[in-house]
Protein backbone atom coordinates (compact mmCIF):
# COMPACT_ATOMS: atom_id res chain seq x y z
CA MET A 1 -16.16 -4.13 -47.97
CA LYS A 2 -16.18 -1.61 -50.79
CA LEU A 3 -13.38 0.87 -51.31
CA THR A 4 -15.65 3.87 -50.68
CA THR A 5 -16.71 2.42 -47.32
CA ARG A 6 -13.10 1.88 -46.33
CA LEU A 7 -12.26 5.43 -47.36
CA PHE A 8 -15.14 6.78 -45.29
CA ILE A 9 -14.04 4.82 -42.22
CA PHE A 10 -10.41 5.87 -42.68
CA SER A 11 -11.35 9.54 -43.06
CA SER A 12 -13.61 9.41 -40.00
CA VAL A 13 -10.83 7.92 -37.88
CA ILE A 14 -8.41 10.60 -39.08
CA LEU A 15 -10.88 13.39 -38.32
CA VAL A 16 -11.43 12.01 -34.81
CA LEU A 17 -7.72 11.55 -34.11
CA LEU A 18 -6.81 15.00 -35.43
CA PRO A 19 -8.25 17.11 -32.55
CA VAL A 20 -7.14 14.54 -29.98
CA SER A 21 -3.56 14.57 -31.23
CA ALA A 22 -3.65 18.38 -31.56
CA TYR A 23 -4.82 18.72 -27.94
CA TYR A 24 -2.08 16.35 -26.80
CA PHE A 25 0.69 18.13 -28.66
CA ILE A 26 -0.51 21.59 -27.61
CA GLY A 27 -0.42 20.42 -23.99
CA LYS A 28 3.14 19.20 -24.53
CA ILE A 29 4.10 22.53 -26.11
CA GLU A 30 2.55 24.52 -23.24
CA LYS A 31 4.37 22.36 -20.70
CA SER A 32 7.65 22.87 -22.52
CA ILE A 33 7.06 26.64 -22.69
CA LEU A 34 6.31 26.83 -18.97
CA GLN A 35 9.39 24.77 -18.10
CA GLY A 36 11.52 27.02 -20.27
CA GLN A 37 9.99 30.08 -18.60
CA GLN A 38 10.78 28.67 -15.15
CA GLU A 39 14.40 28.11 -16.09
CA ALA A 40 14.65 31.57 -17.62
CA GLN A 41 13.20 33.18 -14.50
CA SER A 42 15.58 31.19 -12.30
CA MET A 43 18.55 32.45 -14.27
CA THR A 44 17.18 36.01 -14.14
CA ALA A 45 16.74 35.78 -10.36
CA SER A 46 20.29 34.46 -10.00
CA ALA A 47 21.72 37.29 -12.12
CA ILE A 48 19.81 39.97 -10.21
CA ALA A 49 20.88 38.47 -6.88
CA ILE A 50 24.50 38.85 -7.98
CA VAL A 51 23.88 42.47 -9.00
CA VAL A 52 22.20 43.55 -5.75
CA GLN A 53 25.00 42.05 -3.65
CA GLY A 54 26.79 45.35 -4.27
CA TYR A 55 24.05 47.23 -2.41
CA THR A 56 24.05 45.32 0.85
CA ASP A 57 23.86 48.50 2.92
CA LEU A 58 20.34 49.05 1.61
CA PHE A 59 19.29 45.77 3.22
CA ASP A 60 20.68 46.72 6.64
CA ILE A 61 17.49 48.25 8.06
CA GLU A 62 16.02 47.21 11.40
CA GLU A 63 12.80 45.33 11.68
CA ASP A 64 10.94 48.27 13.34
CA ALA A 65 11.27 50.35 10.19
CA LEU A 66 8.20 52.19 8.97
CA TYR A 67 7.27 50.87 5.57
CA VAL A 68 6.42 53.54 3.03
CA TYR A 69 4.27 52.55 0.06
CA PRO A 70 4.59 54.29 -3.29
CA LYS A 71 1.74 56.67 -4.11
CA LYS A 72 0.10 55.79 -7.39
CA ARG A 73 -2.69 58.34 -7.72
CA GLY A 74 -3.43 61.88 -6.62
CA LEU A 75 -4.31 62.34 -2.95
CA LEU A 76 -6.58 64.94 -1.42
CA VAL A 77 -5.55 65.58 2.19
CA ASP A 78 -8.97 65.95 3.80
CA GLY A 79 -9.09 63.36 6.57
CA TYR A 80 -11.37 61.00 4.65
CA ALA A 81 -9.56 57.83 3.63
CA SER A 82 -12.56 56.40 1.79
CA LYS A 83 -12.35 59.15 -0.83
CA ASP A 84 -8.83 58.28 -1.98
CA GLU A 85 -8.11 55.09 -3.90
CA ASP A 86 -4.60 54.73 -2.49
CA TRP A 87 -5.76 54.63 1.14
CA THR A 88 -8.70 52.38 0.23
CA ALA A 89 -6.52 49.92 -1.70
CA LEU A 90 -4.14 49.68 1.28
CA LYS A 91 -6.71 49.59 4.07
CA GLU A 92 -5.50 46.13 5.08
CA LYS A 93 -1.91 47.38 5.42
CA PHE A 94 -2.33 49.78 8.35
CA SER A 95 0.23 49.06 11.08
CA SER A 96 -1.33 48.95 14.56
CA TYR A 97 0.46 50.14 17.71
CA GLU A 98 -0.85 48.86 21.08
CA ASP A 99 -4.37 48.98 19.71
CA VAL A 100 -4.27 52.75 20.23
CA PHE A 101 -3.60 53.94 16.73
CA SER A 102 -2.80 52.55 13.29
CA LEU A 103 -0.55 54.12 10.70
CA LEU A 104 -0.07 54.01 6.95
CA LEU A 105 2.59 55.92 5.00
CA LEU A 106 2.81 56.80 1.31
CA ASP A 107 5.32 58.86 -0.63
CA ASP A 108 6.09 60.36 -3.98
CA ALA A 109 8.91 62.54 -5.26
CA GLN A 110 7.76 65.60 -3.24
CA TYR A 111 5.89 64.55 -0.12
CA LEU A 112 5.55 61.93 2.56
CA TYR A 113 1.88 61.21 3.28
CA ALA A 114 0.58 59.75 6.56
CA TYR A 115 -2.81 58.59 7.74
CA LEU A 116 -3.43 57.91 11.43
CA LYS A 117 -6.51 56.25 12.90
CA VAL A 118 -6.61 56.97 16.63
CA LYS A 119 -8.93 55.24 19.09
CA ASN A 120 -10.05 57.74 21.76
CA SER A 121 -13.41 57.78 23.50
CA ASP A 122 -12.80 61.21 25.11
CA ILE A 123 -11.14 63.65 22.76
CA VAL A 124 -9.59 66.69 24.43
CA TYR A 125 -9.05 69.61 22.06
CA ARG A 126 -6.76 72.55 22.66
CA HIS A 127 -8.11 75.45 24.78
CA PRO A 128 -6.57 78.96 24.53
CA ARG A 129 -6.30 79.37 28.30
CA TYR A 130 -3.95 76.40 28.53
CA ILE A 131 -0.50 77.60 27.50
CA PRO A 132 1.47 74.30 27.34
CA LEU A 133 1.16 72.76 23.91
CA ASP A 134 0.87 69.24 25.39
CA SER A 135 -2.30 70.11 27.32
CA SER A 136 -4.55 68.54 24.66
CA ASP A 137 -4.62 65.39 22.59
CA HIS A 138 -1.90 65.73 19.98
CA VAL A 139 0.51 63.94 17.63
CA ARG A 140 4.27 64.23 17.85
CA LEU A 141 6.67 63.95 14.89
CA GLU A 142 10.42 63.46 15.31
CA TYR A 143 12.90 63.32 12.44
CA ILE A 144 16.53 64.02 11.53
CA ASP A 145 16.93 66.84 9.03
CA SER A 146 19.51 67.21 6.27
CA ASN A 147 21.94 68.81 8.74
CA GLY A 148 21.72 65.89 11.12
CA GLN A 149 19.67 67.85 13.67
CA HIS A 150 16.89 66.25 15.69
CA GLN A 151 13.69 68.10 14.88
CA ARG A 152 10.32 67.93 16.66
CA LEU A 153 6.90 68.86 15.32
CA LEU A 154 3.64 68.85 17.26
CA MET A 155 0.21 68.66 15.66
CA LEU A 156 -2.92 69.68 17.58
CA ALA A 157 -6.37 71.08 16.87
CA GLU A 158 -9.13 73.08 18.52
CA GLY A 159 -11.74 71.00 16.70
CA GLN A 160 -12.35 69.19 13.44
CA GLY A 161 -10.65 70.65 10.40
CA HIS A 162 -7.20 71.99 9.82
CA VAL A 163 -4.47 71.05 12.25
CA SER A 164 -1.96 73.47 13.75
CA VAL A 165 1.66 72.37 13.40
CA TYR A 166 4.43 73.87 15.52
CA GLU A 167 8.15 73.32 15.83
CA VAL A 168 8.67 72.65 19.57
CA ASN A 169 11.42 72.27 22.12
CA ASP A 170 12.54 69.07 23.78
CA ASN A 171 9.84 69.26 26.50
CA TRP A 172 7.02 69.33 23.91
CA GLN A 173 5.34 72.14 25.85
CA SER A 174 6.60 75.31 24.14
CA TRP A 175 7.24 76.27 20.58
CA LYS A 176 10.48 77.58 19.17
CA THR A 177 9.18 80.36 16.96
CA GLY A 178 5.47 80.51 17.68
CA GLN A 179 4.66 80.32 13.99
CA HIS A 180 2.73 77.62 12.24
CA VAL A 181 4.77 75.25 10.07
CA THR A 182 2.81 75.82 6.86
CA ALA A 183 4.86 73.32 4.86
CA VAL A 184 3.11 70.57 6.81
CA TYR A 185 -0.54 70.29 5.89
CA ALA A 186 -2.84 68.23 8.12
CA VAL A 187 -6.58 67.65 8.65
CA TRP A 188 -8.35 66.34 11.76
CA HIS A 189 -11.54 64.32 11.37
CA GLU A 190 -13.63 62.76 14.15
CA THR A 191 -14.85 59.17 13.81
CA SER A 192 -17.09 56.86 15.81
CA THR A 193 -14.07 55.37 17.58
CA GLY A 194 -11.91 58.48 17.90
CA TYR A 195 -10.34 60.61 15.22
CA ASP A 196 -8.30 60.40 12.03
CA ILE A 197 -5.44 62.65 11.02
CA GLU A 198 -4.19 62.90 7.46
CA PHE A 199 -1.09 64.96 6.77
CA ARG A 200 1.81 65.46 4.46
CA LEU A 201 5.30 66.91 4.85
CA PRO A 202 8.10 67.58 2.36
CA ALA A 203 10.07 64.43 1.58
CA GLN A 204 13.36 66.34 1.34
CA TRP A 205 13.19 67.16 5.08
CA LEU A 206 13.91 63.50 5.81
CA GLU A 207 16.94 63.18 3.56
CA PRO A 208 19.41 61.64 3.68
CA GLN A 209 18.94 59.50 6.82
CA ARG A 210 15.19 58.95 6.49
CA LEU A 211 14.51 58.62 10.20
CA LEU A 212 11.03 59.40 11.53
CA SER A 213 8.99 58.56 14.62
CA ILE A 214 5.33 59.27 15.27
CA SER A 215 3.72 59.34 18.72
CA VAL A 216 0.07 59.75 19.74
CA VAL A 217 -0.55 61.48 23.11
CA ASN A 218 -3.83 61.34 25.04
CA VAL A 219 -4.36 63.78 27.95
CA PHE A 220 -6.46 63.12 31.04
CA GLY A 221 -9.01 65.35 32.66
CA GLU A 222 -10.75 68.42 31.43
CA ASN A 223 -9.08 70.55 34.06
CA GLU A 224 -5.72 68.93 34.73
CA ARG A 225 -4.93 68.08 31.12
CA ASN A 226 -1.83 66.07 31.85
CA PRO A 227 -0.41 63.69 29.20
CA GLU A 228 -1.64 60.31 30.37
CA HIS A 229 -0.82 57.83 27.61
CA ILE A 230 1.91 58.11 24.98
CA VAL A 231 2.11 55.44 22.26
CA SER A 232 4.99 55.67 19.80
CA THR A 233 6.27 53.82 16.75
CA GLN A 234 9.60 53.45 18.59
CA LEU A 235 9.21 49.83 19.61
CA LEU A 236 12.80 48.70 20.07
CA ASP A 237 14.36 51.76 21.65
CA SER A 238 12.67 54.98 22.70
CA GLU A 239 15.83 56.90 21.99
CA LEU A 240 16.13 55.73 18.39
CA LEU A 241 13.94 56.97 15.60
CA ASN A 242 12.33 54.58 13.15
CA PRO A 243 14.04 54.18 9.79
CA LEU A 244 11.77 54.68 6.81
CA LEU A 245 11.72 51.68 4.54
CA ILE A 246 11.20 53.07 1.06
CA ARG A 247 11.51 50.97 -2.03
CA SER A 248 15.04 51.56 -3.19
CA SER A 249 15.39 53.49 -6.43
CA VAL A 250 19.08 52.53 -6.43
CA ILE A 251 18.29 48.82 -6.53
CA SER A 252 15.45 49.39 -8.98
CA GLY A 253 17.78 51.25 -11.32
CA ALA A 254 20.44 48.56 -11.03
CA ILE A 255 18.12 45.70 -11.96
CA LYS A 256 15.87 47.54 -14.41
CA SER A 257 18.01 46.55 -17.38
CA LEU A 258 17.72 42.88 -16.38
CA SER A 259 13.95 42.86 -16.14
CA GLU A 260 11.47 41.75 -18.74
CA SER A 261 8.47 43.76 -19.79
CA ASP A 262 5.95 41.13 -18.73
CA SER A 263 7.68 39.90 -15.57
CA GLN A 264 7.73 41.37 -12.08
CA ILE A 265 10.89 41.40 -10.01
CA CYS A 266 10.68 41.78 -6.23
CA VAL A 267 13.73 42.29 -4.05
CA ILE A 268 13.00 41.54 -0.39
CA ASP A 269 15.12 41.72 2.73
CA LYS A 270 15.51 39.12 5.43
CA TYR A 271 12.29 40.35 7.09
CA ARG A 272 10.38 39.68 3.83
CA ARG A 273 9.95 43.41 3.28
CA VAL A 274 9.84 44.51 -0.33
CA ARG A 275 12.83 46.73 -1.08
CA ALA A 276 12.37 47.14 -4.82
CA VAL A 277 9.81 46.23 -7.43
CA ILE A 278 10.37 46.26 -11.17
CA GLY A 279 7.72 45.30 -13.64
CA ASP A 280 3.97 45.18 -13.90
CA ASN A 281 3.05 45.92 -10.30
CA ASN A 282 -0.28 47.42 -11.31
CA SER A 283 -1.68 44.05 -12.23
CA SER A 284 -4.22 42.49 -9.90
CA ASN A 285 -2.24 39.27 -10.15
CA SER A 286 1.03 40.89 -9.14
CA LEU A 287 2.89 39.06 -6.41
CA CYS A 288 4.19 42.27 -4.76
CA GLN A 289 1.21 44.47 -5.48
CA SER A 290 0.35 46.70 -2.49
CA THR A 291 2.24 44.70 0.09
CA ASP A 292 5.16 45.40 2.36
CA LYS A 293 5.95 41.78 3.14
CA VAL A 294 5.95 38.61 1.09
CA ASN A 295 4.43 35.84 3.17
CA ILE A 296 4.41 33.00 0.72
CA THR A 297 6.16 29.84 1.82
CA LEU A 298 8.20 29.79 -1.37
CA VAL A 299 10.90 32.03 0.12
CA ASP A 300 11.18 30.15 3.41
CA ASP A 301 13.75 27.70 2.15
CA VAL A 302 15.66 30.44 0.34
CA LEU A 303 15.86 32.79 3.33
CA ASN A 304 16.67 29.91 5.68
CA GLY A 305 19.52 28.82 3.45
CA SER A 306 18.20 25.32 2.81
CA ALA A 307 17.87 25.91 -0.93
CA GLN A 308 19.88 27.96 -3.37
CA ARG A 309 17.28 28.22 -6.11
CA LEU A 310 13.59 27.50 -6.22
CA HIS A 311 10.86 27.77 -8.78
CA GLN A 312 7.24 26.74 -8.53
CA GLN A 313 3.74 27.61 -9.65
CA LEU A 314 1.54 29.47 -7.19
CA ILE A 315 -2.17 30.19 -7.41
CA HIS A 316 -2.55 33.89 -6.73
CA ASN A 317 -5.90 35.65 -7.18
CA ASP A 318 -7.28 32.60 -9.01
CA GLU A 319 -4.41 32.57 -11.48
CA ASN A 320 -1.23 30.57 -11.70
CA LEU A 321 1.97 32.51 -11.14
CA ILE A 322 5.35 31.16 -12.13
CA ILE A 323 7.76 32.24 -9.39
CA ALA A 324 11.52 31.84 -9.17
CA ALA A 325 13.48 32.76 -6.03
CA HIS A 326 17.20 33.17 -5.39
CA PRO A 327 18.94 34.34 -2.17
CA VAL A 328 21.01 37.51 -1.83
CA VAL A 329 24.18 36.66 0.08
CA ASP A 330 26.63 38.94 1.86
CA ALA A 331 29.67 37.34 3.51
CA ALA A 332 27.96 33.94 3.65
CA ASN A 333 24.90 35.51 5.31
CA ILE A 334 21.55 35.61 3.55
CA ILE A 335 20.32 39.20 3.69
CA GLY A 336 17.42 38.90 1.28
CA ALA A 337 16.05 37.24 -1.81
CA VAL A 338 15.08 38.02 -5.36
CA LEU A 339 11.67 36.91 -6.63
CA VAL A 340 10.84 36.83 -10.33
CA SER A 341 7.18 36.20 -11.03
CA ASN A 342 5.17 35.97 -14.18
CA SER A 343 1.61 35.08 -14.96
CA GLN A 344 1.18 31.75 -16.66
CA GLN A 345 -1.56 33.31 -18.73
CA GLN A 346 0.79 36.08 -19.87
CA VAL A 347 3.49 33.56 -20.78
CA LEU A 348 1.08 31.46 -22.79
CA SER A 349 -0.60 34.51 -24.31
CA LYS A 350 2.72 35.46 -25.90
CA GLN A 351 2.81 32.08 -27.59
CA ARG A 352 -0.92 31.97 -28.23
CA ASP A 353 -0.75 33.56 -31.64
CA THR A 354 2.16 31.33 -32.62
CA LEU A 355 0.43 28.22 -31.28
CA LEU A 356 -2.80 29.25 -32.95
CA SER A 357 -1.02 29.82 -36.25
CA ILE A 358 0.73 26.45 -35.96
CA MET A 359 -2.50 24.73 -35.03
CA LEU A 360 -4.46 26.36 -37.85
CA ALA A 361 -1.68 25.65 -40.33
CA SER A 362 -1.48 22.02 -39.16
CA LEU A 363 -5.25 21.71 -39.30
CA LEU A 364 -5.29 23.21 -42.78
CA VAL A 365 -2.53 20.87 -43.93
CA PHE A 366 -4.32 17.85 -42.46
CA LEU A 367 -7.60 18.90 -44.05
CA LEU A 368 -5.90 19.45 -47.39
CA ILE A 369 -4.25 16.04 -47.13
CA ILE A 370 -7.53 14.38 -46.19
CA ILE A 371 -9.44 16.20 -48.93
CA SER A 372 -6.71 15.33 -51.42
CA LEU A 373 -6.82 11.69 -50.35
CA LEU A 374 -10.59 11.65 -50.59
CA LEU A 375 -10.53 13.25 -54.03
CA PHE A 376 -7.77 10.94 -55.19
CA SER A 377 -9.51 7.90 -53.75
CA SER A 378 -12.85 8.96 -55.22
CA ARG A 379 -11.20 9.49 -58.59
CA LEU A 380 -9.49 6.12 -58.24
CA ALA A 381 -12.75 4.38 -57.39
CA PHE A 382 -14.49 6.14 -60.29
CA ARG A 383 -11.84 5.02 -62.76
CA ILE A 384 -11.94 1.44 -61.48
CA ASN A 385 -15.74 1.36 -61.76
CA ARG A 386 -15.55 2.88 -65.25
CA LEU A 387 -13.00 0.24 -66.28
CA LYS A 388 -15.30 -2.46 -64.95
CA LYS A 389 -18.30 -1.08 -66.84
CA GLN A 390 -16.35 -0.64 -70.08
CA THR A 391 -14.92 -4.16 -70.00
CA SER A 392 -18.35 -5.57 -69.16
CA SER A 393 -20.02 -3.71 -72.03
CA ILE A 394 -17.61 -5.07 -74.67
CA ILE A 395 -18.88 -8.68 -74.45
CA ASP A 396 -22.55 -9.65 -74.49
CA ASP A 397 -24.18 -12.47 -72.57
CA SER A 398 -23.38 -15.00 -75.32
CA GLY A 399 -19.68 -14.17 -75.19
CA ARG A 400 -19.54 -12.21 -78.44
CA PHE A 401 -17.81 -8.86 -78.78
CA VAL A 402 -20.36 -6.13 -79.36
CA ASN A 403 -18.04 -3.10 -79.18
CA ASN A 404 -14.53 -2.26 -80.17
CA VAL A 405 -11.86 -2.58 -77.50
CA ASP A 406 -11.40 1.10 -76.54
CA LEU A 407 -10.77 1.69 -72.81
CA SER A 408 -10.63 5.30 -71.56
CA ASP A 409 -7.58 4.94 -69.29
CA CYS A 410 -5.25 3.34 -71.82
CA LYS A 411 -3.43 6.63 -72.40
CA ASN A 412 -2.76 7.30 -68.68
CA GLY A 413 0.68 6.52 -67.33
CA ASP A 414 -0.31 5.32 -63.86
CA GLU A 415 -1.08 1.85 -62.57
CA ILE A 416 -4.70 1.97 -63.69
CA GLY A 417 -3.47 2.97 -67.14
CA ASP A 418 -1.19 -0.08 -67.13
CA LEU A 419 -4.10 -2.23 -66.01
CA SER A 420 -6.30 -0.76 -68.76
CA ARG A 421 -3.66 -1.43 -71.40
CA SER A 422 -3.28 -5.00 -70.13
CA PHE A 423 -7.04 -5.47 -70.28
CA SER A 424 -7.12 -3.92 -73.76
CA LEU A 425 -4.37 -6.23 -75.04
CA LEU A 426 -6.07 -9.22 -73.47
CA LEU A 427 -9.41 -8.29 -74.98
CA GLU A 428 -7.84 -7.68 -78.39
CA ARG A 429 -6.33 -11.16 -78.31
CA LEU A 430 -9.61 -12.61 -77.21
CA ASN A 431 -11.41 -10.69 -79.95
CA SER A 432 -8.92 -11.94 -82.54
CA TYR A 433 -9.41 -15.52 -81.41
CA THR A 434 -13.18 -15.07 -81.42
CA CYS A 435 -13.05 -13.71 -84.95
CA PHE A 436 -10.90 -16.67 -85.95
CA LEU A 437 -13.43 -19.07 -84.50
CA GLU A 438 -16.20 -17.25 -86.34
CA THR A 439 -14.32 -17.62 -89.68
CA VAL A 440 -13.59 -21.32 -89.17
CA PRO A 441 -16.92 -22.59 -90.59
CA ARG A 442 -16.59 -20.53 -93.78
CA MET A 443 -12.92 -21.42 -94.11
CA LEU A 444 -13.63 -25.12 -93.52
CA ARG A 445 -16.34 -25.10 -96.13
CA HIS A 446 -14.01 -23.65 -98.75
CA GLU A 447 -10.81 -25.40 -97.72
CA ILE A 448 -12.35 -28.84 -97.29
CA LEU A 449 -14.68 -28.68 -100.27
CA ASN A 450 -11.88 -28.52 -102.86
CA PRO A 451 -9.98 -31.62 -101.58
CA VAL A 452 -13.25 -33.51 -101.21
CA ASN A 453 -14.27 -32.66 -104.78
CA THR A 454 -10.84 -33.69 -105.99
CA ILE A 455 -11.11 -37.04 -104.20
CA SER A 456 -14.61 -37.54 -105.55
CA MET A 457 -13.46 -36.80 -109.10
CA SER A 458 -10.47 -39.12 -108.76
CA LEU A 459 -12.70 -41.94 -107.57
CA GLN A 460 -15.06 -41.39 -110.46
CA ASN A 461 -12.17 -41.46 -112.93
CA LEU A 462 -10.94 -44.71 -111.42
CA ASN A 463 -14.33 -46.26 -112.06
CA ILE A 464 -14.52 -45.27 -115.72
CA GLN A 465 -10.88 -45.61 -116.78
CA ASP A 466 -8.94 -48.82 -117.27
CA ASP A 467 -5.59 -47.26 -118.06
CA ALA A 468 -3.13 -48.08 -115.29
CA THR A 469 -1.21 -44.85 -115.76
CA GLU A 470 -4.34 -42.74 -115.42
CA SER A 471 -5.47 -44.78 -112.46
CA GLU A 472 -2.16 -44.22 -110.69
CA ARG A 473 -2.37 -40.51 -111.40
CA ASN A 474 -5.91 -40.34 -109.98
CA ILE A 475 -4.80 -42.26 -106.92
CA ASN A 476 -1.92 -39.79 -106.38
CA VAL A 477 -4.30 -36.86 -106.74
CA ALA A 478 -6.69 -38.39 -104.21
CA SER A 479 -3.84 -39.10 -101.80
CA GLY A 480 -2.67 -35.48 -102.06
CA SER A 481 -6.18 -34.26 -101.34
CA ILE A 482 -6.41 -36.53 -98.30
CA LYS A 483 -3.10 -35.14 -96.99
CA GLN A 484 -4.44 -31.66 -97.58
CA LEU A 485 -7.52 -32.49 -95.51
CA GLN A 486 -5.36 -33.93 -92.72
CA LEU A 487 -3.19 -30.81 -92.72
CA ILE A 488 -6.22 -28.54 -92.52
CA VAL A 489 -7.79 -30.45 -89.65
CA SER A 490 -4.51 -30.72 -87.73
CA SER A 491 -3.70 -27.02 -88.16
CA LEU A 492 -7.16 -25.86 -87.07
CA THR A 493 -7.02 -28.12 -84.04
CA GLU A 494 -3.73 -26.73 -82.80
CA ALA A 495 -4.02 -23.11 -83.98
CA ALA A 496 -5.65 -20.16 -82.23
CA ASN A 497 -5.83 -18.05 -85.39
CA ILE A 498 -4.93 -18.12 -89.09
CA ASP A 499 -1.46 -16.75 -88.42
CA ASP A 500 -0.77 -19.71 -86.17
CA VAL A 501 -2.03 -22.07 -88.92
CA LEU A 502 0.46 -20.65 -91.37
CA ALA A 503 3.27 -20.56 -88.83
CA GLN A 504 2.91 -24.31 -88.15
CA ASP A 505 3.56 -25.40 -91.78
CA ASP A 506 6.79 -27.13 -92.77
CA THR A 507 8.46 -26.00 -95.98
CA GLU A 508 10.55 -27.95 -98.46
CA VAL A 509 12.11 -27.44 -101.88
CA ILE A 510 9.51 -28.19 -104.57
CA ASP A 511 9.28 -27.82 -108.35
CA ILE A 512 6.60 -25.19 -108.56
CA ALA A 513 6.50 -25.32 -112.38
CA ALA A 514 5.67 -29.05 -112.38
CA LEU A 515 3.17 -28.49 -109.55
CA LEU A 516 1.42 -25.70 -111.41
CA CYS A 517 1.37 -27.61 -114.70
CA GLU A 518 -0.11 -30.67 -113.02
CA TYR A 519 -2.64 -28.56 -111.08
CA VAL A 520 -3.94 -26.87 -114.24
CA SER A 521 -4.18 -30.20 -115.99
CA ASN A 522 -6.17 -31.79 -113.11
CA SER A 523 -8.37 -28.71 -112.78
CA GLN A 524 -9.21 -28.82 -116.47
CA VAL A 525 -10.39 -32.37 -115.97
CA LYS A 526 -12.41 -31.31 -112.93
CA HIS A 527 -13.91 -28.29 -114.68
CA SER A 528 -14.44 -29.58 -118.16
CA ASP A 529 -16.62 -26.64 -119.16
CA ALA A 530 -13.91 -24.09 -118.38
CA LYS A 531 -10.97 -23.13 -120.52
CA LEU A 532 -7.91 -23.46 -118.31
CA HIS A 533 -4.46 -23.00 -119.84
CA TYR A 534 -1.00 -22.92 -118.36
CA TYR A 535 1.78 -20.78 -119.81
CA GLY A 536 5.31 -21.26 -118.59
CA GLU A 537 7.97 -23.81 -117.81
CA ASN A 538 6.73 -27.34 -117.24
CA ASN A 539 9.47 -28.18 -114.72
CA GLY A 540 12.80 -27.12 -113.34
CA VAL A 541 11.63 -24.11 -111.24
CA TYR A 542 12.41 -24.81 -107.58
CA VAL A 543 11.25 -22.83 -104.52
CA SER A 544 11.12 -23.41 -100.76
CA ALA A 545 7.44 -23.67 -99.88
CA ASN A 546 4.65 -25.91 -98.70
CA ASP A 547 3.04 -27.58 -101.71
CA LEU A 548 -0.33 -27.98 -99.96
CA ARG A 549 -0.51 -24.27 -99.14
CA ILE A 550 0.43 -23.44 -102.73
CA VAL A 551 -2.42 -25.64 -103.90
CA GLN A 552 -4.84 -23.94 -101.44
CA LEU A 553 -3.75 -20.55 -102.71
CA ILE A 554 -4.23 -21.50 -106.36
CA ASP A 555 -7.61 -23.05 -105.48
CA LYS A 556 -8.83 -19.70 -104.13
CA ILE A 557 -7.54 -17.85 -107.18
CA LYS A 558 -9.09 -20.41 -109.54
CA ASP A 559 -12.44 -20.38 -107.75
CA ASN A 560 -12.60 -16.59 -107.89
CA ALA A 561 -11.74 -16.70 -111.60
CA LEU A 562 -14.44 -19.28 -112.26
CA ASP A 563 -17.00 -17.32 -110.29
CA PHE A 564 -16.37 -13.96 -111.91
CA SER A 565 -15.23 -14.83 -115.48
CA LEU A 566 -17.46 -14.58 -118.53
CA PRO A 567 -18.55 -17.77 -120.26
CA GLU A 568 -16.16 -19.08 -122.89
CA THR A 569 -13.42 -16.88 -121.44
CA GLU A 570 -10.01 -18.43 -121.10
CA ILE A 571 -8.50 -18.60 -117.63
CA SER A 572 -4.73 -18.45 -117.88
CA PHE A 573 -2.13 -19.57 -115.36
CA GLN A 574 1.29 -18.11 -116.09
CA LEU A 575 4.60 -18.69 -114.35
CA ASP A 576 7.35 -16.13 -114.92
CA VAL A 577 10.87 -16.65 -113.71
CA ASN A 578 13.08 -13.59 -113.11
CA GLN A 579 16.75 -13.99 -112.40
CA HIS A 580 17.95 -11.08 -110.19
CA GLN A 581 21.65 -10.35 -110.64
C-alpha cells in the first residue's frame, strides 16, 4: 500500500472520529455542568431555608386562607374578565365555594382586586320600596381595619352596571351613614349562569392583620325577599375571618440577596402554598408561575420529613427543569420548604458560547493538525519520490553513470537529507569504482605493454648474444619485467580503484641511482634510435620505495618524452640529491 493511500485512510478515520469524540465529550461536559448546577441549587436551597427560619410567624397561616396573586398588568374594573390578561391567565385558579360562587383575588401596592362568578338562575335586584339592604341579592365583605375594628360592607345593585357599596351594621339590613363608600369601586355584569362582580378596595384598609371574608347572599321570592342561601369563604369557623395569604415581601427581601438572576426561588408553607417568589417568574417555564400551590411530588418527601435534601429534573411545559428542595424547620417541625428551580436550557445556554468556542477552537486545532500532517506527509512523499527519480536517472540501463551525483535533498538536515547524503556517498563510490573499471583496459595496455616489450627484447638479446654476462643481465631484466606483470595483475585483481592499487604496495630501501642508471642503459638498448642519457650518481643514493612502481613511473615519463620529442633530440634523465640540514 502506498504512503499516499495510507495517509488518505488515516485522515479519513480522523475526520470521522473527530465529530464522534466531540459529541461524546460535549455530552460529558453538559452532564458535569448539570450536576454542578444541581449541587449549587441544593446549597442555595439549604442556605435560604436557614435564613427563612427566622420568619416562622409568616408560615403560621391557616389552610382556609384566601390566596392573593400579585397583579402584573393594568386592570380595568368593568366586570368582564376576558378583557384583562391577569384574570384570563389565572382562570384556572378560581376558588369555588359550594358550587355557588368562585373567587379570585389580586393585589398591588394600592388595591386589592376581587372577581366573583356567582351562579344564580333568578337574580333579584334591589327595589326602592324595600328598605332593608338585605332584601336583594348582594355580596357581603367583612374585614378588620387598622384600628382592630370589625367592619362590614355590603354590595348590591339595581341592575347591571355600577354597584352600590354601603357600610352596614351587624344585622346587614341598615347602613351606618347612608352614604356610598366611594373608595370601593365595583361593577355588576350578568352572565348566562348568573352574574359576575369585579371590585377593588384600598389595600391599606386591611393592614396590618389582613383578615377578610366574602359572602354571597341569594334572596327568595319577589315579594318576601328573605335571605335564603348564604355561602361564605369562612369554611372552618363562621366567627373567624379568612386570613389573606399574600406573598411575603419580608421573606422575598430576606432571600433576594441569595438568589441568582436566572434561577427562581419559591418558598412554600406546609400546605404547599407559595409564600414568596424570587426570580424569573414571568417565564412560561417557571415552576411557581401563576400558582398558589405546588403540587409536584418532589416536595412530598421534604414536607413529610423523609428526606432532608432533594434534587431532580422535572419536565415542565415541555422543558427540563432542575429543581432542588430543602425543608424549613421550626422546633423540629417542618413548616415549609424552599424550592430552587432553573431551566436546563438556561443553564446550558450560559455555557453555550463557551462550549461553542471550545468546540470551534478544538475543531480548528484538529483541522490545522490534520492539514499540517497532510502537507507534511505530502511533502515527505514528494521528496521520497524525487529522490527515487533522481537516483534512477543517474544510471542508465547498462549500468553506466549518465549524470553527476547531485541529489536535491543533500543540504537538508532531516532524515531524508541524511538518506540523500548516504545515497550520494554511495553513488560517488560506485561512480569512482566504475570509472576505475573503465580505465583498466587503457591502463593494462600501457602497464603491461612495457614489461612485455622488455621481456621480448631480453629474449631476442639472448638469442643473438653469446656473452654470459650479457645473457645474465638480460635474464635479470626479463625476470624483473615478469615480476612487474605479476604485481600489476595481482593489484588489479584485489583493488577497487587506483588508490587501492598504490596502497597495497610494499616498500623497501633501494638504490635509486643504480636503478635509474640501469633503466636508462636498458632503455637505450630497447630504443636504439633515441638518444637517452643519464646524468647523476651511478649508485649510493638510497630511498624507501617500491622499485617496480618507480620503473612504471619512469616508463610513463619516457614514453611521453619519446612521443613528443623532436627527432635527434636528446632525452636526459637527471638525478639530483639535496641534503637538507
